[in-house]
Amino acid sequence: MLEFTLNGDGYHKTLEINVDSSIVDCENLVYFNLPANVFVDPYQVYDLYYRIGAPKVFIKSPNRVDLEAPFENSHNTTLWLRIRKEQIPIHVRYHGANDDGIFPVNLSIQPYLTSSCQVPSTSNEWAVEYEQYIQEGSKNSYSFDYPDGMFDISSVSNVKLPLQDLNFNVPCGNIKHQPFVSSVTLLTSILSALLIILVVLNKK
């Protein structure tokens, strides 16, 4: 029913979600977890929503999403959104150095889909209920508690979809280069300090 693909290089990618043609005209809510090694920038998706009408993505995290936090100090996040075919910008956290300068990112997505193929009687009311509900967060990790009047329960299917692995590699620091980098950094600092001293002395 849903297919996730990744586009882009390096630390900044686009997560594309494609909906099966059998439910593309339905009201579809999807939620899934992102592991701590990637994140969605809430300010970016907010800006995209208001500027170009991108999907409104609701992000739930144990703490406020820290854009600069390294992988070791980050948390998993949960995303909720109403979809047909969407593209969400995601970013990879910075990782520590290792022996080969390549860090494998294991991005496994377990999506949960709630789909209603009955057109709501008043779309604006449905949207308001949806947003209020999503902002409160789901009380159950595996299913939505449907607000009264949000769906005709007989037309709702809540499906745990197959796990999708979107693994890739990103560059990181190479421990083997540390002596060289440290030496060059120290030498550059000393030469820069000497240059500043010479400039100051020449001006006196």
N, C-alpha and C. Protein backbone atom coordinates (compact mmCIF):
# COMPACT_ATOMS: atom_id res chain seq x y z
N MET A 1 0.81 -1.22 0.00
CA MET A 1 0.00 0.00 0.00
C MET A 1 0.84 1.27 0.00
N LEU A 2 1.97 1.22 0.71
CA LEU A 2 2.88 2.36 0.75
C LEU A 2 4.27 1.91 0.36
N GLU A 3 4.96 2.76 -0.38
CA GLU A 3 6.34 2.47 -0.74
C GLU A 3 7.20 3.68 -0.37
N PHE A 4 8.26 3.42 0.38
CA PHE A 4 9.18 4.47 0.80
C PHE A 4 10.46 4.36 -0.02
N THR A 5 10.92 5.49 -0.54
CA THR A 5 12.20 5.53 -1.25
C THR A 5 12.98 6.75 -0.79
N LEU A 6 14.30 6.67 -0.90
CA LEU A 6 15.18 7.77 -0.52
C LEU A 6 15.85 8.35 -1.76
N ASN A 7 15.89 9.67 -1.84
CA ASN A 7 16.58 10.35 -2.93
C ASN A 7 17.57 11.35 -2.34
N GLY A 8 18.64 11.61 -3.07
CA GLY A 8 19.62 12.59 -2.62
C GLY A 8 20.89 11.94 -2.12
N ASP A 9 21.93 12.75 -2.02
CA ASP A 9 23.24 12.28 -1.59
C ASP A 9 23.62 12.89 -0.24
N GLY A 10 24.59 12.27 0.40
CA GLY A 10 25.15 12.84 1.62
C GLY A 10 24.19 12.84 2.79
N TYR A 11 24.26 13.91 3.58
CA TYR A 11 23.53 13.98 4.84
C TYR A 11 22.11 14.53 4.69
N HIS A 12 21.75 15.02 3.52
CA HIS A 12 20.45 15.65 3.33
C HIS A 12 19.71 14.93 2.20
N LYS A 13 18.62 14.27 2.55
CA LYS A 13 17.90 13.44 1.60
C LYS A 13 16.42 13.77 1.60
N THR A 14 15.71 13.17 0.65
CA THR A 14 14.27 13.31 0.57
C THR A 14 13.64 11.93 0.70
N LEU A 15 12.73 11.80 1.65
CA LEU A 15 11.98 10.56 1.83
C LEU A 15 10.69 10.68 1.04
N GLU A 16 10.55 9.85 0.01
CA GLU A 16 9.37 9.90 -0.83
C GLU A 16 8.42 8.76 -0.45
N ILE A 17 7.15 9.11 -0.28
CA ILE A 17 6.13 8.12 0.09
C ILE A 17 5.13 8.03 -1.05
N ASN A 18 5.03 6.86 -1.65
CA ASN A 18 4.08 6.62 -2.73
C ASN A 18 2.95 5.74 -2.24
N VAL A 19 1.72 6.13 -2.58
CA VAL A 19 0.53 5.42 -2.13
C VAL A 19 0.00 4.56 -3.27
N ASP A 20 -0.41 3.34 -2.94
CA ASP A 20 -0.97 2.44 -3.94
C ASP A 20 -2.21 3.05 -4.59
N SER A 21 -2.39 2.78 -5.87
CA SER A 21 -3.50 3.37 -6.61
C SER A 21 -4.87 2.99 -6.05
N SER A 22 -4.94 1.87 -5.33
CA SER A 22 -6.23 1.42 -4.80
C SER A 22 -6.76 2.32 -3.69
N ILE A 23 -5.88 3.09 -3.05
CA ILE A 23 -6.33 3.96 -1.96
C ILE A 23 -5.90 5.41 -2.16
N VAL A 24 -5.43 5.75 -3.36
CA VAL A 24 -4.88 7.08 -3.58
C VAL A 24 -5.94 8.17 -3.42
N ASP A 25 -7.22 7.83 -3.64
CA ASP A 25 -8.28 8.82 -3.51
C ASP A 25 -8.95 8.79 -2.14
N CYS A 26 -8.42 8.01 -1.21
CA CYS A 26 -8.99 7.92 0.14
C CYS A 26 -8.29 8.92 1.06
N GLU A 27 -8.86 9.05 2.27
CA GLU A 27 -8.20 9.83 3.31
C GLU A 27 -7.24 8.89 4.04
N ASN A 28 -5.94 9.12 3.90
CA ASN A 28 -4.94 8.21 4.43
C ASN A 28 -4.08 8.91 5.48
N LEU A 29 -4.02 8.31 6.66
CA LEU A 29 -3.12 8.77 7.70
C LEU A 29 -2.03 7.72 7.88
N VAL A 30 -0.80 8.16 7.95
CA VAL A 30 0.29 7.22 8.18
C VAL A 30 1.14 7.73 9.33
N TYR A 31 1.60 6.81 10.15
CA TYR A 31 2.58 7.19 11.15
C TYR A 31 3.67 6.13 11.22
N PHE A 32 4.88 6.59 11.53
CA PHE A 32 6.02 5.69 11.60
C PHE A 32 7.11 6.36 12.42
N ASN A 33 8.03 5.54 12.91
CA ASN A 33 9.14 6.04 13.71
C ASN A 33 10.38 6.24 12.84
N LEU A 34 11.12 7.29 13.16
CA LEU A 34 12.45 7.48 12.57
C LEU A 34 13.48 7.20 13.65
N PRO A 35 14.51 6.42 13.35
CA PRO A 35 15.54 6.15 14.36
C PRO A 35 16.34 7.40 14.68
N ALA A 36 17.12 7.32 15.74
CA ALA A 36 17.84 8.50 16.24
C ALA A 36 18.90 9.00 15.27
N ASN A 37 19.31 8.19 14.30
CA ASN A 37 20.39 8.63 13.41
C ASN A 37 19.92 9.54 12.28
N VAL A 38 18.60 9.75 12.15
CA VAL A 38 18.07 10.71 11.18
C VAL A 38 17.00 11.56 11.87
N PHE A 39 16.67 12.70 11.26
CA PHE A 39 15.64 13.55 11.85
C PHE A 39 14.97 14.40 10.77
N VAL A 40 13.79 14.88 11.11
CA VAL A 40 13.08 15.85 10.28
C VAL A 40 13.14 17.19 10.98
N ASP A 41 13.52 18.21 10.24
CA ASP A 41 13.62 19.56 10.79
C ASP A 41 12.21 20.16 10.88
N PRO A 42 11.67 20.36 12.09
CA PRO A 42 10.29 20.87 12.20
C PRO A 42 10.12 22.26 11.60
N TYR A 43 11.16 23.08 11.66
CA TYR A 43 11.07 24.43 11.09
C TYR A 43 11.00 24.37 9.56
N GLN A 44 11.73 23.43 8.99
CA GLN A 44 11.74 23.28 7.53
C GLN A 44 10.39 22.80 7.01
N VAL A 45 9.81 21.77 7.64
CA VAL A 45 8.53 21.26 7.15
C VAL A 45 7.41 22.27 7.40
N TYR A 46 7.52 23.05 8.48
CA TYR A 46 6.55 24.12 8.75
C TYR A 46 6.62 25.16 7.64
N ASP A 47 7.84 25.54 7.25
CA ASP A 47 8.02 26.54 6.20
C ASP A 47 7.51 26.02 4.86
N LEU A 48 7.80 24.76 4.55
CA LEU A 48 7.35 24.18 3.28
C LEU A 48 5.83 24.09 3.23
N TYR A 49 5.21 23.81 4.36
CA TYR A 49 3.75 23.71 4.41
C TYR A 49 3.10 25.05 4.06
N TYR A 50 3.61 26.13 4.65
CA TYR A 50 2.99 27.44 4.43
C TYR A 50 3.41 28.09 3.12
N ARG A 51 4.58 27.73 2.60
CA ARG A 51 5.04 28.37 1.36
C ARG A 51 4.51 27.68 0.11
N ILE A 52 4.56 26.34 0.09
CA ILE A 52 4.21 25.63 -1.15
C ILE A 52 3.14 24.56 -0.94
N GLY A 53 2.54 24.51 0.25
CA GLY A 53 1.47 23.54 0.47
C GLY A 53 1.95 22.12 0.66
N ALA A 54 3.18 21.94 1.13
CA ALA A 54 3.70 20.60 1.42
C ALA A 54 2.88 19.99 2.56
N PRO A 55 2.97 18.67 2.75
CA PRO A 55 2.15 18.05 3.80
C PRO A 55 2.49 18.57 5.18
N LYS A 56 1.47 18.68 6.02
CA LYS A 56 1.70 19.07 7.40
C LYS A 56 2.17 17.84 8.16
N VAL A 57 3.40 17.88 8.61
CA VAL A 57 4.01 16.74 9.29
C VAL A 57 4.04 17.02 10.79
N PHE A 58 3.43 16.13 11.57
CA PHE A 58 3.44 16.26 13.01
C PHE A 58 4.55 15.38 13.58
N ILE A 59 5.37 15.97 14.42
CA ILE A 59 6.56 15.28 14.93
C ILE A 59 6.44 15.12 16.44
N LYS A 60 6.58 13.90 16.91
CA LYS A 60 6.55 13.64 18.35
C LYS A 60 7.91 13.11 18.77
N SER A 61 8.51 13.76 19.76
CA SER A 61 9.84 13.38 20.23
C SER A 61 9.86 13.48 21.76
N PRO A 62 10.67 12.63 22.44
CA PRO A 62 10.76 12.74 23.90
C PRO A 62 11.20 14.12 24.35
N ASN A 63 12.02 14.77 23.56
CA ASN A 63 12.47 16.13 23.83
C ASN A 63 12.32 16.96 22.56
N ARG A 64 12.51 18.25 22.70
CA ARG A 64 12.48 19.11 21.53
C ARG A 64 13.55 18.66 20.53
N VAL A 65 13.21 18.66 19.25
CA VAL A 65 14.16 18.21 18.23
C VAL A 65 15.34 19.16 18.19
N ASP A 66 16.52 18.65 18.52
CA ASP A 66 17.75 19.44 18.51
C ASP A 66 18.44 19.22 17.16
N LEU A 67 18.49 20.26 16.35
CA LEU A 67 19.01 20.12 14.99
C LEU A 67 20.50 19.83 14.96
N GLU A 68 21.23 20.23 16.00
CA GLU A 68 22.68 20.09 16.00
C GLU A 68 23.19 18.92 16.83
N ALA A 69 22.30 18.21 17.49
CA ALA A 69 22.74 17.13 18.38
C ALA A 69 23.35 15.99 17.58
N PRO A 70 24.45 15.41 18.07
CA PRO A 70 25.02 14.24 17.39
C PRO A 70 24.14 13.02 17.62
N PHE A 71 24.43 11.98 16.88
CA PHE A 71 23.65 10.75 16.95
C PHE A 71 23.56 10.21 18.38
N GLU A 72 24.68 10.26 19.11
CA GLU A 72 24.73 9.66 20.44
C GLU A 72 23.79 10.35 21.44
N ASN A 73 23.44 11.62 21.19
CA ASN A 73 22.59 12.38 22.12
C ASN A 73 21.18 12.60 21.58
N SER A 74 20.77 11.79 20.62
CA SER A 74 19.48 12.00 19.97
C SER A 74 18.49 10.89 20.33
N HIS A 75 17.23 11.12 19.96
CA HIS A 75 16.15 10.19 20.27
C HIS A 75 15.40 9.81 18.99
N ASN A 76 14.70 8.69 19.07
CA ASN A 76 13.78 8.34 18.00
C ASN A 76 12.65 9.37 17.95
N THR A 77 12.10 9.60 16.78
CA THR A 77 10.95 10.48 16.64
C THR A 77 9.84 9.75 15.89
N THR A 78 8.60 10.19 16.12
CA THR A 78 7.45 9.62 15.43
C THR A 78 6.84 10.69 14.54
N LEU A 79 6.52 10.31 13.31
CA LEU A 79 5.90 11.24 12.36
C LEU A 79 4.47 10.80 12.07
N TRP A 80 3.57 11.78 11.99
CA TRP A 80 2.20 11.55 11.54
C TRP A 80 1.93 12.49 10.38
N LEU A 81 1.29 12.01 9.35
CA LEU A 81 0.88 12.90 8.28
C LEU A 81 -0.23 12.28 7.46
N ARG A 82 -0.99 13.14 6.80
CA ARG A 82 -2.02 12.72 5.87
C ARG A 82 -1.39 12.72 4.48
N ILE A 83 -1.54 11.62 3.75
CA ILE A 83 -0.74 11.47 2.54
C ILE A 83 -1.56 11.05 1.33
N ARG A 84 -1.00 11.36 0.17
CA ARG A 84 -1.32 10.74 -1.11
C ARG A 84 0.01 10.34 -1.74
N LYS A 85 0.74 11.33 -2.19
CA LYS A 85 2.13 11.11 -2.60
C LYS A 85 2.92 12.28 -2.05
N GLU A 86 3.84 12.01 -1.16
CA GLU A 86 4.51 13.09 -0.45
C GLU A 86 6.02 12.93 -0.48
N GLN A 87 6.69 14.05 -0.28
CA GLN A 87 8.15 14.07 -0.16
C GLN A 87 8.50 14.84 1.11
N ILE A 88 9.29 14.20 1.97
CA ILE A 88 9.66 14.81 3.25
C ILE A 88 11.18 14.93 3.31
N PRO A 89 11.71 16.13 3.53
CA PRO A 89 13.16 16.26 3.68
C PRO A 89 13.61 15.69 5.02
N ILE A 90 14.62 14.84 4.99
CA ILE A 90 15.19 14.30 6.22
C ILE A 90 16.69 14.55 6.23
N HIS A 91 17.27 14.52 7.41
CA HIS A 91 18.68 14.84 7.58
C HIS A 91 19.33 13.78 8.47
N VAL A 92 20.59 13.50 8.18
CA VAL A 92 21.33 12.49 8.94
C VAL A 92 22.10 13.18 10.06
N ARG A 93 22.08 12.58 11.23
CA ARG A 93 22.85 13.11 12.36
C ARG A 93 24.34 12.92 12.13
N TYR A 94 25.14 13.78 12.76
CA TYR A 94 26.60 13.62 12.70
C TYR A 94 27.01 12.44 13.58
N HIS A 95 27.93 11.64 13.06
CA HIS A 95 28.40 10.46 13.77
C HIS A 95 29.88 10.61 14.11
N GLY A 96 30.33 9.85 15.07
CA GLY A 96 31.73 9.87 15.45
C GLY A 96 32.62 9.25 14.38
N ALA A 97 33.91 9.54 14.48
CA ALA A 97 34.87 9.00 13.51
C ALA A 97 35.04 7.50 13.71
N ASN A 98 35.44 6.83 12.63
CA ASN A 98 35.76 5.40 12.73
C ASN A 98 36.98 5.09 11.87
N ASP A 99 37.27 3.82 11.66
CA ASP A 99 38.52 3.42 10.99
C ASP A 99 38.51 3.56 9.48
N ASP A 100 37.33 3.63 8.86
CA ASP A 100 37.30 3.69 7.40
C ASP A 100 36.64 4.94 6.84
N GLY A 101 36.15 5.84 7.71
CA GLY A 101 35.56 7.09 7.23
C GLY A 101 34.19 6.95 6.59
N ILE A 102 33.55 5.80 6.78
CA ILE A 102 32.21 5.56 6.24
C ILE A 102 31.33 5.07 7.38
N PHE A 103 30.15 5.68 7.53
CA PHE A 103 29.23 5.26 8.58
C PHE A 103 27.96 4.70 7.95
N PRO A 104 27.61 3.44 8.26
CA PRO A 104 26.37 2.86 7.73
C PRO A 104 25.16 3.35 8.52
N VAL A 105 24.19 3.90 7.82
CA VAL A 105 22.95 4.38 8.45
C VAL A 105 21.87 3.33 8.22
N ASN A 106 21.37 2.78 9.30
CA ASN A 106 20.31 1.77 9.22
C ASN A 106 18.96 2.46 9.42
N LEU A 107 18.27 2.70 8.32
CA LEU A 107 16.97 3.37 8.37
C LEU A 107 15.88 2.35 8.07
N SER A 108 15.30 1.81 9.13
CA SER A 108 14.21 0.84 8.99
C SER A 108 12.91 1.52 9.38
N ILE A 109 11.93 1.47 8.49
CA ILE A 109 10.65 2.14 8.72
C ILE A 109 9.55 1.10 8.82
N GLN A 110 8.82 1.15 9.94
CA GLN A 110 7.65 0.29 10.14
C GLN A 110 6.41 1.18 10.08
N PRO A 111 5.78 1.30 8.92
CA PRO A 111 4.64 2.22 8.80
C PRO A 111 3.32 1.59 9.26
N TYR A 112 2.45 2.44 9.79
CA TYR A 112 1.09 2.05 10.15
C TYR A 112 0.15 2.97 9.38
N LEU A 113 -0.79 2.37 8.68
CA LEU A 113 -1.68 3.13 7.80
C LEU A 113 -3.12 3.03 8.29
N THR A 114 -3.76 4.18 8.40
CA THR A 114 -5.19 4.25 8.68
C THR A 114 -5.85 4.89 7.47
N SER A 115 -6.77 4.18 6.85
CA SER A 115 -7.34 4.65 5.59
C SER A 115 -8.86 4.63 5.65
N SER A 116 -9.48 5.73 5.21
CA SER A 116 -10.93 5.80 5.10
C SER A 116 -11.27 6.23 3.69
N CYS A 117 -12.04 5.40 2.99
CA CYS A 117 -12.41 5.72 1.62
C CYS A 117 -13.79 6.36 1.54
N GLN A 118 -14.35 6.73 2.69
CA GLN A 118 -15.60 7.48 2.71
C GLN A 118 -15.26 8.95 2.80
N VAL A 119 -15.76 9.74 1.89
CA VAL A 119 -15.47 11.17 1.88
C VAL A 119 -16.15 11.81 3.08
N PRO A 120 -15.43 12.56 3.92
CA PRO A 120 -16.05 13.21 5.07
C PRO A 120 -17.14 14.18 4.63
N SER A 121 -18.18 14.32 5.46
CA SER A 121 -19.29 15.19 5.10
C SER A 121 -18.85 16.64 4.98
N THR A 122 -17.95 17.06 5.85
CA THR A 122 -17.41 18.42 5.78
C THR A 122 -15.90 18.32 5.92
N SER A 123 -15.18 18.53 4.84
CA SER A 123 -13.74 18.30 4.85
C SER A 123 -13.03 19.20 5.84
N ASN A 124 -13.51 20.45 5.99
CA ASN A 124 -12.85 21.36 6.92
C ASN A 124 -12.97 20.86 8.36
N GLU A 125 -14.16 20.37 8.73
CA GLU A 125 -14.35 19.84 10.08
C GLU A 125 -13.45 18.63 10.30
N TRP A 126 -13.36 17.78 9.29
CA TRP A 126 -12.50 16.59 9.40
C TRP A 126 -11.06 17.01 9.62
N ALA A 127 -10.59 18.03 8.88
CA ALA A 127 -9.20 18.48 9.01
C ALA A 127 -8.94 19.03 10.40
N VAL A 128 -9.90 19.77 10.96
CA VAL A 128 -9.73 20.32 12.31
C VAL A 128 -9.63 19.20 13.33
N GLU A 129 -10.53 18.21 13.22
CA GLU A 129 -10.49 17.08 14.15
C GLU A 129 -9.17 16.32 14.03
N TYR A 130 -8.73 16.15 12.81
CA TYR A 130 -7.47 15.44 12.56
C TYR A 130 -6.30 16.16 13.23
N GLU A 131 -6.22 17.46 13.03
CA GLU A 131 -5.10 18.22 13.58
C GLU A 131 -5.14 18.23 15.11
N GLN A 132 -6.34 18.40 15.68
CA GLN A 132 -6.45 18.40 17.13
C GLN A 132 -6.04 17.04 17.69
N TYR A 133 -6.47 16.00 17.02
CA TYR A 133 -6.16 14.66 17.50
C TYR A 133 -4.66 14.37 17.41
N ILE A 134 -4.07 14.70 16.28
CA ILE A 134 -2.66 14.42 16.08
C ILE A 134 -1.81 15.19 17.08
N GLN A 135 -2.19 16.43 17.37
CA GLN A 135 -1.41 17.23 18.30
C GLN A 135 -1.44 16.63 19.70
N GLU A 136 -2.53 15.97 20.05
CA GLU A 136 -2.60 15.33 21.36
C GLU A 136 -1.73 14.08 21.41
N GLY A 137 -1.50 13.46 20.25
CA GLY A 137 -0.68 12.26 20.19
C GLY A 137 -1.50 11.01 20.40
N SER A 138 -1.01 9.93 19.88
CA SER A 138 -1.71 8.65 20.01
C SER A 138 -1.42 8.04 21.37
N LYS A 139 -2.45 7.53 22.02
CA LYS A 139 -2.28 6.89 23.32
C LYS A 139 -1.77 5.46 23.17
N ASN A 140 -1.91 4.92 21.99
CA ASN A 140 -1.48 3.55 21.74
C ASN A 140 -0.42 3.57 20.64
N SER A 141 0.69 2.90 20.86
CA SER A 141 1.79 2.96 19.90
C SER A 141 1.45 2.28 18.58
N TYR A 142 0.43 1.42 18.57
CA TYR A 142 0.19 0.61 17.38
C TYR A 142 -1.12 0.91 16.68
N SER A 143 -1.97 1.76 17.23
CA SER A 143 -3.22 2.07 16.54
C SER A 143 -3.73 3.43 16.97
N PHE A 144 -4.55 4.02 16.14
CA PHE A 144 -5.16 5.30 16.46
C PHE A 144 -6.42 5.07 17.28
N ASP A 145 -6.67 5.96 18.23
CA ASP A 145 -7.97 6.03 18.89
C ASP A 145 -8.79 7.05 18.10
N TYR A 146 -9.80 6.61 17.40
CA TYR A 146 -10.50 7.50 16.48
C TYR A 146 -11.40 8.47 17.23
N PRO A 147 -11.27 9.76 16.99
CA PRO A 147 -12.20 10.73 17.59
C PRO A 147 -13.61 10.50 17.06
N ASP A 148 -14.61 10.80 17.88
CA ASP A 148 -15.99 10.63 17.46
C ASP A 148 -16.26 11.45 16.21
N GLY A 149 -16.84 10.81 15.21
CA GLY A 149 -17.21 11.51 13.99
C GLY A 149 -16.08 11.68 12.99
N MET A 150 -14.86 11.27 13.37
CA MET A 150 -13.75 11.47 12.44
C MET A 150 -13.84 10.50 11.28
N PHE A 151 -14.22 9.26 11.56
CA PHE A 151 -14.37 8.24 10.53
C PHE A 151 -15.66 7.48 10.74
N ASP A 152 -16.16 6.93 9.67
CA ASP A 152 -17.15 5.87 9.78
C ASP A 152 -16.34 4.59 10.00
N ILE A 153 -16.40 4.04 11.22
CA ILE A 153 -15.52 2.93 11.59
C ILE A 153 -15.62 1.76 10.62
N SER A 154 -16.80 1.56 10.03
CA SER A 154 -16.96 0.43 9.11
C SER A 154 -16.11 0.58 7.86
N SER A 155 -15.68 1.80 7.57
CA SER A 155 -14.90 2.02 6.34
C SER A 155 -13.42 2.21 6.63
N VAL A 156 -13.02 1.97 7.89
CA VAL A 156 -11.64 2.23 8.29
C VAL A 156 -10.83 0.94 8.31
N SER A 157 -9.64 0.99 7.77
CA SER A 157 -8.71 -0.13 7.92
C SER A 157 -7.43 0.40 8.55
N ASN A 158 -7.02 -0.22 9.64
CA ASN A 158 -5.81 0.18 10.34
C ASN A 158 -4.80 -0.95 10.14
N VAL A 159 -3.77 -0.70 9.35
CA VAL A 159 -2.92 -1.78 8.87
C VAL A 159 -1.47 -1.54 9.28
N LYS A 160 -0.87 -2.57 9.86
CA LYS A 160 0.57 -2.56 10.10
C LYS A 160 1.23 -3.08 8.83
N LEU A 161 1.95 -2.20 8.15
CA LEU A 161 2.53 -2.55 6.85
C LEU A 161 3.91 -3.18 7.02
N PRO A 162 4.40 -3.85 5.99
CA PRO A 162 5.72 -4.51 6.10
C PRO A 162 6.84 -3.52 6.40
N LEU A 163 7.81 -4.02 7.15
CA LEU A 163 9.00 -3.24 7.47
C LEU A 163 9.77 -2.94 6.18
N GLN A 164 10.23 -1.70 6.04
CA GLN A 164 10.99 -1.32 4.86
C GLN A 164 12.36 -0.81 5.30
N ASP A 165 13.41 -1.42 4.75
CA ASP A 165 14.78 -1.04 5.08
C ASP A 165 15.34 -0.13 3.99
N LEU A 166 15.77 1.05 4.40
CA LEU A 166 16.36 2.02 3.46
C LEU A 166 17.76 2.35 3.96
N ASN A 167 18.65 1.39 3.88
CA ASN A 167 19.99 1.56 4.43
C ASN A 167 20.92 2.23 3.43
N PHE A 168 21.83 3.05 3.94
CA PHE A 168 22.78 3.76 3.08
C PHE A 168 24.00 4.14 3.92
N ASN A 169 25.03 4.65 3.26
CA ASN A 169 26.27 5.06 3.94
C ASN A 169 26.48 6.56 3.80
N VAL A 170 27.09 7.16 4.82
CA VAL A 170 27.48 8.57 4.75
C VAL A 170 28.94 8.69 5.18
N PRO A 171 29.64 9.70 4.69
CA PRO A 171 31.03 9.89 5.11
C PRO A 171 31.11 10.41 6.54
N CYS A 172 32.17 10.06 7.23
CA CYS A 172 32.41 10.57 8.58
C CYS A 172 33.92 10.70 8.76
N GLY A 173 34.33 11.14 9.92
CA GLY A 173 35.76 11.30 10.19
C GLY A 173 36.49 9.96 10.19
N ASN A 174 37.75 10.00 9.77
CA ASN A 174 38.58 8.79 9.75
C ASN A 174 39.63 8.90 10.85
N ILE A 175 39.58 7.96 11.79
CA ILE A 175 40.50 8.00 12.93
C ILE A 175 41.96 7.95 12.48
N LYS A 176 42.23 7.27 11.37
CA LYS A 176 43.61 7.15 10.88
C LYS A 176 44.19 8.51 10.48
N HIS A 177 43.33 9.47 10.17
CA HIS A 177 43.80 10.79 9.75
C HIS A 177 44.02 11.74 10.92
N GLN A 178 43.70 11.30 12.13
CA GLN A 178 43.75 12.20 13.28
C GLN A 178 45.14 12.79 13.53
N PRO A 179 46.24 12.00 13.50
CA PRO A 179 47.57 12.60 13.72
C PRO A 179 47.90 13.69 12.71
N PHE A 180 47.60 13.42 11.43
CA PHE A 180 47.90 14.41 10.39
C PHE A 180 47.06 15.67 10.57
N VAL A 181 45.76 15.49 10.80
CA VAL A 181 44.87 16.64 10.97
C VAL A 181 45.27 17.46 12.19
N SER A 182 45.61 16.79 13.29
CA SER A 182 46.01 17.49 14.51
C SER A 182 47.29 18.28 14.29
N SER A 183 48.26 17.68 13.58
CA SER A 183 49.53 18.36 13.32
C SER A 183 49.34 19.60 12.45
N VAL A 184 48.56 19.44 11.38
CA VAL A 184 48.32 20.57 10.47
C VAL A 184 47.56 21.68 11.19
N THR A 185 46.59 21.30 12.02
CA THR A 185 45.81 22.30 12.76
C THR A 185 46.71 23.08 13.72
N LEU A 186 47.58 22.36 14.44
CA LEU A 186 48.48 23.02 15.38
C LEU A 186 49.44 23.94 14.65
N LEU A 187 50.03 23.46 13.54
CA LEU A 187 50.96 24.28 12.78
C LEU A 187 50.28 25.53 12.22
N THR A 188 49.07 25.37 11.71
CA THR A 188 48.32 26.51 11.17
C THR A 188 48.03 27.53 12.26
N SER A 189 47.68 27.06 13.45
CA SER A 189 47.39 27.97 14.56
C SER A 189 48.62 28.76 14.96
N ILE A 190 49.77 28.09 15.02
CA ILE A 190 51.02 28.76 15.40
C ILE A 190 51.41 29.82 14.36
N LEU A 191 51.34 29.44 13.07
CA LEU A 191 51.69 30.38 12.01
C LEU A 191 50.74 31.58 11.98
N SER A 192 49.46 31.33 12.22
CA SER A 192 48.49 32.42 12.24
C SER A 192 48.77 33.38 13.39
N ALA A 193 49.11 32.82 14.56
CA ALA A 193 49.42 33.66 15.71
C ALA A 193 50.67 34.51 15.45
N LEU A 194 51.69 33.90 14.84
CA LEU A 194 52.92 34.64 14.52
C LEU A 194 52.64 35.75 13.52
N LEU A 195 51.78 35.46 12.54
CA LEU A 195 51.44 36.47 11.54
C LEU A 195 50.73 37.66 12.18
N ILE A 196 49.83 37.39 13.10
CA ILE A 196 49.12 38.47 13.80
C ILE A 196 50.10 39.32 14.60
N ILE A 197 51.04 38.65 15.28
CA ILE A 197 52.03 39.39 16.08
C ILE A 197 52.89 40.27 15.18
N LEU A 198 53.32 39.75 14.03
CA LEU A 198 54.14 40.53 13.10
C LEU A 198 53.39 41.75 12.58
N VAL A 199 52.12 41.57 12.26
CA VAL A 199 51.31 42.68 11.75
C VAL A 199 51.18 43.76 12.82
N VAL A 200 50.94 43.35 14.05
CA VAL A 200 50.79 44.31 15.15
C VAL A 200 52.09 45.07 15.38
N LEU A 201 53.22 44.34 15.37
CA LEU A 201 54.52 44.98 15.60
C LEU A 201 54.87 45.96 14.49
N ASN A 202 54.53 45.63 13.26
CA ASN A 202 54.85 46.51 12.12
C ASN A 202 54.04 47.79 12.13
N LYS A 203 52.89 47.77 12.79
CA LYS A 203 52.05 48.96 12.84
C LYS A 203 52.47 49.92 13.94
N LYS A 204 53.34 49.47 14.84
CA LYS A 204 53.78 50.35 15.93
C LYS A 204 54.89 51.27 15.46
